[in-house]
């Protein structure tokens, strides 16, 4: 009988370790994601290794069109794009592992080719859409009686602002304005922000003209240097598709990994 008891005890402990129980009394961890096409993501679902085929049980993503929480990789946006993904794929898996007893929620708004200069500043189209999506998602959490905490923002944008000298020169100040506005919207004055610096591969042959890439890169670096709660990732070594612009599947997983590592380090 004693041996049976010990056997069952070890099985129970093993199960708790392998299948941790989510505590519904702990506030839901909410992460905001925004940007342009490299936040949309050109990672291909069919190229994902097997471990990604099962979404983390404690992670859900807000479906901006259907106004509901769905499993990772199952949003209307993802399905319309044949399961393409951005940094949220690896980011979600790593955040799930780092906080296994928490419910994790991802709210992502992105638009290919959108410019901070024209689309993401307060009162502009993408900014309003982003804030609206956040509001809808958080309202649903409130209605479900889930407490929540907005833990951080991921930002992958800037390629389109390198098209002209005017937009590039304005990027540093515009980025400060956007980050300050998001912190005000979320009531988190020190909201952690992890930003992917645009890649130097944009200076190679592309279907577009990104001549002012160095100016935008320096602007992003300057904002990260002066703000202790902004963290930057150098993406120069991330592989791209044929266009030297969009990160491929492998690169999107690496970007998500780096974003998660920085965010987890900051939260802990």
Protein backbone atom coordinates (compact mmCIF):
# COMPACT_ATOMS: atom_id res chain seq x y z
CA UNK A 1 0.00 0.00 0.00
CA UNK A 2 2.84 2.37 0.88
CA UNK A 3 4.51 1.70 -2.48
CA UNK A 4 1.22 2.33 -4.29
CA UNK A 5 0.79 5.62 -2.42
CA UNK A 6 4.30 6.74 -3.32
CA UNK A 7 3.76 5.73 -6.95
CA UNK A 8 0.53 7.75 -7.18
CA UNK A 9 2.17 10.70 -5.42
CA UNK A 10 5.03 10.81 -7.93
CA UNK A 11 2.59 10.51 -10.83
CA UNK A 12 0.65 13.46 -9.44
CA UNK A 13 3.79 15.57 -9.02
CA UNK A 14 4.93 14.66 -12.53
CA UNK A 15 1.56 15.66 -13.97
CA UNK A 16 1.60 19.00 -12.20
CA UNK A 17 5.07 19.69 -13.53
CA UNK A 18 4.30 18.70 -17.12
CA UNK A 19 0.76 20.12 -17.20
CA UNK A 20 0.83 23.17 -14.91
CA UNK A 21 -2.54 24.41 -13.73
CA UNK A 22 -3.55 27.91 -14.77
CA UNK A 23 -4.68 29.97 -11.80
CA UNK A 24 -7.73 32.00 -12.83
CA UNK A 25 -7.26 34.26 -9.81
CA UNK A 26 -3.96 35.58 -11.18
CA UNK A 27 -4.42 38.61 -13.48
CA UNK A 28 -4.30 37.80 -17.18
CA UNK A 29 -1.08 38.96 -18.83
CA UNK A 30 -1.87 41.09 -21.89
CA UNK A 31 0.67 41.91 -24.59
CA UNK A 32 0.15 44.46 -27.36
CA UNK A 33 1.72 44.01 -30.80
CA UNK A 34 1.82 46.62 -33.55
CA UNK A 35 3.64 47.56 -36.74
CA UNK A 36 3.70 47.05 -40.48
CA UNK A 37 4.36 44.06 -42.74
CA UNK A 38 7.09 42.45 -40.64
CA UNK A 39 4.63 42.50 -37.75
CA UNK A 40 1.94 41.09 -40.07
CA UNK A 41 4.54 38.44 -40.77
CA UNK A 42 5.49 36.37 -43.81
CA UNK A 43 6.38 33.29 -41.79
CA UNK A 44 4.70 30.27 -43.37
CA UNK A 45 2.64 27.94 -41.21
CA UNK A 46 3.52 24.90 -43.31
CA UNK A 47 7.23 25.49 -42.56
CA UNK A 48 6.80 25.42 -38.79
CA UNK A 49 8.47 22.57 -36.86
CA UNK A 50 6.12 20.10 -35.19
CA UNK A 51 6.31 21.65 -31.72
CA UNK A 52 4.42 24.69 -33.04
CA UNK A 53 1.51 22.66 -34.41
CA UNK A 54 -0.18 22.63 -31.01
CA UNK A 55 -0.88 26.15 -29.71
CA UNK A 56 -0.14 26.88 -26.04
CA UNK A 57 -3.26 26.14 -23.99
CA UNK A 58 -2.94 29.27 -21.88
CA UNK A 59 -2.54 31.69 -24.81
CA UNK A 60 -5.32 33.33 -26.79
CA UNK A 61 -5.22 36.00 -29.47
CA UNK A 62 -7.83 38.66 -30.08
CA UNK A 63 -9.63 38.32 -33.42
CA UNK A 64 -10.09 41.93 -34.51
CA UNK A 65 -12.79 41.06 -37.04
CA UNK A 66 -14.90 38.58 -35.10
CA UNK A 67 -14.38 40.30 -31.73
CA UNK A 68 -13.50 37.16 -29.82
CA UNK A 69 -10.52 35.37 -28.29
CA UNK A 70 -9.18 32.48 -30.37
CA UNK A 71 -6.23 30.11 -30.21
CA UNK A 72 -2.86 31.19 -31.55
CA UNK A 73 -2.80 31.02 -35.36
CA UNK A 74 -6.58 30.92 -35.71
CA UNK A 75 -7.51 34.58 -36.20
CA UNK A 76 -9.48 35.72 -39.24
CA UNK A 77 -6.38 37.66 -40.32
CA UNK A 78 -4.17 34.55 -40.11
CA UNK A 79 -6.65 32.34 -41.94
CA UNK A 80 -7.08 34.90 -44.71
CA UNK A 81 -3.31 34.94 -45.22
CA UNK A 82 -3.02 31.13 -45.36
CA UNK A 83 -1.63 30.79 -41.82
CA UNK A 84 1.21 33.26 -42.25
CA UNK A 85 2.52 34.56 -38.94
CA UNK A 86 4.71 37.21 -37.38
CA UNK A 87 6.77 37.33 -34.17
CA UNK A 88 3.71 36.43 -32.08
CA UNK A 89 4.21 32.73 -32.85
CA UNK A 90 7.52 32.19 -31.03
CA UNK A 91 6.80 35.02 -28.60
CA UNK A 92 3.59 33.34 -27.41
CA UNK A 93 5.21 29.94 -26.96
CA UNK A 94 8.02 31.39 -24.88
CA UNK A 95 5.78 33.63 -22.77
CA UNK A 96 3.53 30.63 -22.16
CA UNK A 97 6.49 28.60 -20.89
CA UNK A 98 7.79 31.45 -18.75
CA UNK A 99 4.40 32.05 -17.09
CA UNK A 100 2.66 28.65 -17.16
CA UNK A 101 0.22 29.52 -14.39
CA UNK A 102 -1.03 32.66 -16.12
CA UNK A 103 -3.54 33.18 -18.85
CA UNK A 104 -1.82 35.04 -21.71
CA UNK A 105 -3.60 37.33 -24.15
CA UNK A 106 -2.21 38.80 -27.38
CA UNK A 107 -3.74 41.87 -29.06
CA UNK A 108 -2.15 42.55 -32.43
CA UNK A 109 -2.87 45.28 -34.96
CA UNK A 110 -0.66 45.69 -38.02
CA UNK A 111 -0.79 46.90 -41.59
CA UNK A 112 1.66 46.33 -44.42
CA UNK A 113 3.22 49.52 -45.75
CA UNK A 114 1.84 51.71 -42.97
CA UNK A 115 3.94 54.67 -41.90
CA UNK A 116 4.41 56.10 -38.43
CA UNK A 117 4.46 59.51 -40.11
CA UNK A 118 0.97 59.09 -41.62
CA UNK A 119 -0.83 56.22 -39.95
CA UNK A 120 0.31 55.54 -36.38
CA UNK A 121 0.34 58.91 -34.66
CA UNK A 122 -2.60 59.76 -32.36
CA UNK A 123 -5.82 60.46 -34.30
CA UNK A 124 -4.44 58.66 -37.38
CA UNK A 125 -6.09 55.59 -38.92
CA UNK A 126 -3.93 52.76 -37.58
CA UNK A 127 -3.61 54.34 -34.16
CA UNK A 128 -7.40 54.56 -33.85
CA UNK A 129 -7.77 50.99 -35.08
CA UNK A 130 -5.18 49.73 -32.60
CA UNK A 131 -6.76 51.52 -29.65
CA UNK A 132 -10.20 50.33 -30.74
CA UNK A 133 -9.05 46.70 -30.92
CA UNK A 134 -7.44 46.99 -27.50
CA UNK A 135 -10.62 48.46 -26.05
CA UNK A 136 -12.81 45.71 -27.49
CA UNK A 137 -10.50 42.97 -26.24
CA UNK A 138 -10.18 44.38 -22.73
CA UNK A 139 -13.91 44.94 -22.47
CA UNK A 140 -14.45 41.26 -23.14
CA UNK A 141 -12.01 40.41 -20.36
CA UNK A 142 -13.89 42.71 -17.99
CA UNK A 143 -17.20 41.09 -18.90
CA UNK A 144 -15.66 37.70 -18.17
CA UNK A 145 -14.64 38.94 -14.71
CA UNK A 146 -10.97 38.39 -15.49
CA UNK A 147 -8.52 40.77 -13.90
CA UNK A 148 -5.71 41.71 -16.25
CA UNK A 149 -2.44 43.59 -16.50
CA UNK A 150 -1.06 45.11 -19.69
CA UNK A 151 2.52 43.86 -19.57
CA UNK A 152 4.20 45.25 -22.66
CA UNK A 153 4.21 46.39 -26.27
CA UNK A 154 6.05 44.85 -29.23
CA UNK A 155 6.79 47.22 -32.13
CA UNK A 156 8.13 46.20 -35.56
CA UNK A 157 7.80 49.13 -37.93
CA UNK A 158 9.79 51.83 -39.70
CA UNK A 159 10.60 50.41 -43.11
CA UNK A 160 8.10 52.65 -44.90
CA UNK A 161 9.25 55.75 -43.04
CA UNK A 162 12.68 55.29 -44.63
CA UNK A 163 11.24 56.03 -48.07
CA UNK A 164 11.69 59.83 -47.81
CA UNK A 165 14.01 62.16 -45.95
CA UNK A 166 11.06 64.04 -44.46
CA UNK A 167 9.55 60.96 -42.83
CA UNK A 168 12.93 59.61 -41.73
CA UNK A 169 13.99 62.86 -40.08
CA UNK A 170 10.69 63.00 -38.20
CA UNK A 171 10.86 59.38 -37.03
CA UNK A 172 12.59 59.88 -33.69
CA UNK A 173 10.14 62.51 -32.47
CA UNK A 174 7.17 60.63 -33.90
CA UNK A 175 8.27 57.44 -32.15
CA UNK A 176 8.44 59.27 -28.82
CA UNK A 177 4.95 60.63 -29.42
CA UNK A 178 3.55 57.20 -30.28
CA UNK A 179 5.13 55.44 -27.32
CA UNK A 180 3.99 58.19 -24.94
CA UNK A 181 0.46 57.98 -26.33
CA UNK A 182 0.33 54.20 -25.88
CA UNK A 183 1.53 54.50 -22.31
CA UNK A 184 -1.19 57.03 -21.65
CA UNK A 185 -3.82 54.82 -23.30
CA UNK A 186 -2.80 51.84 -21.17
CA UNK A 187 -2.26 53.88 -18.01
CA UNK A 188 1.24 52.38 -17.79
CA UNK A 189 3.75 55.29 -17.68
CA UNK A 190 6.63 52.82 -17.70
CA UNK A 191 5.14 50.27 -20.10
CA UNK A 192 7.97 48.01 -21.36
CA UNK A 193 8.40 48.27 -25.12
CA UNK A 194 10.45 45.87 -27.23
CA UNK A 195 11.23 47.18 -30.70
CA UNK A 196 12.79 45.53 -33.71
CA UNK A 197 15.21 47.91 -35.41
CA UNK A 198 14.60 47.88 -39.16
CA UNK A 199 17.10 45.77 -41.07
CA UNK A 200 20.04 47.02 -43.12
CA UNK A 201 18.98 44.53 -45.81
CA UNK A 202 16.58 47.28 -46.91
CA UNK A 203 19.59 48.99 -48.48
CA UNK A 204 20.05 46.08 -50.87
CA UNK A 205 17.99 45.71 -54.06
CA UNK A 206 14.28 45.76 -53.15
CA UNK A 207 11.02 46.41 -55.01
CA UNK A 208 10.78 49.65 -53.01
CA UNK A 209 13.11 52.53 -52.13
CA UNK A 210 14.34 52.59 -48.54
CA UNK A 211 17.27 54.98 -48.98
CA UNK A 212 16.81 56.65 -45.59
CA UNK A 213 17.11 53.40 -43.60
CA UNK A 214 20.18 54.57 -41.60
CA UNK A 215 18.32 57.65 -40.36
CA UNK A 216 15.38 55.58 -39.10
CA UNK A 217 17.75 53.07 -37.50
CA UNK A 218 19.56 55.84 -35.64
CA UNK A 219 16.23 57.29 -34.53
CA UNK A 220 15.14 53.95 -33.12
CA UNK A 221 18.46 53.49 -31.35
CA UNK A 222 18.26 57.01 -29.90
CA UNK A 223 14.80 56.43 -28.44
CA UNK A 224 15.89 53.12 -26.90
CA UNK A 225 19.01 54.71 -25.44
CA UNK A 226 17.17 57.54 -23.72
CA UNK A 227 14.20 55.49 -22.48
CA UNK A 228 15.09 52.81 -19.89
CA UNK A 229 11.90 50.92 -20.66
CA UNK A 230 12.44 50.63 -24.41
CA UNK A 231 14.52 47.69 -25.64
CA UNK A 232 15.82 47.32 -29.18
CA UNK A 233 16.71 44.29 -31.30
CA UNK A 234 19.21 44.47 -34.15
CA UNK A 235 17.59 42.54 -37.01
CA UNK A 236 20.46 42.80 -39.51
CA UNK A 237 21.28 39.08 -39.30
CA UNK A 238 17.69 37.93 -39.75
CA UNK A 239 17.12 36.24 -43.12
CA UNK A 240 14.61 37.67 -45.57
CA UNK A 241 12.62 36.59 -48.57
CA UNK A 242 13.76 37.39 -52.11
CA UNK A 243 12.73 41.03 -51.65
CA UNK A 244 15.36 41.75 -48.97
CA UNK A 245 12.54 43.30 -46.96
CA UNK A 246 10.30 40.70 -45.36
CA UNK A 247 11.58 38.26 -42.76
CA UNK A 248 11.16 34.60 -43.66
CA UNK A 249 9.85 31.82 -41.40
CA UNK A 250 13.15 31.19 -39.62
CA UNK A 251 13.71 34.91 -39.07
CA UNK A 252 10.23 35.48 -37.65
CA UNK A 253 10.82 32.75 -35.09
CA UNK A 254 14.16 34.33 -34.14
CA UNK A 255 12.57 37.76 -33.86
CA UNK A 256 9.81 36.40 -31.64
CA UNK A 257 12.40 34.62 -29.51
CA UNK A 258 14.45 37.78 -28.98
CA UNK A 259 11.35 39.82 -28.21
CA UNK A 260 10.22 37.25 -25.66
CA UNK A 261 13.63 37.03 -24.00
CA UNK A 262 13.80 40.79 -23.49
CA UNK A 263 10.20 41.02 -22.30
CA UNK A 264 10.54 38.11 -19.87
CA UNK A 265 13.77 39.55 -18.49
CA UNK A 266 12.06 42.90 -17.90
CA UNK A 267 8.94 41.41 -16.31
CA UNK A 268 10.94 39.24 -13.93
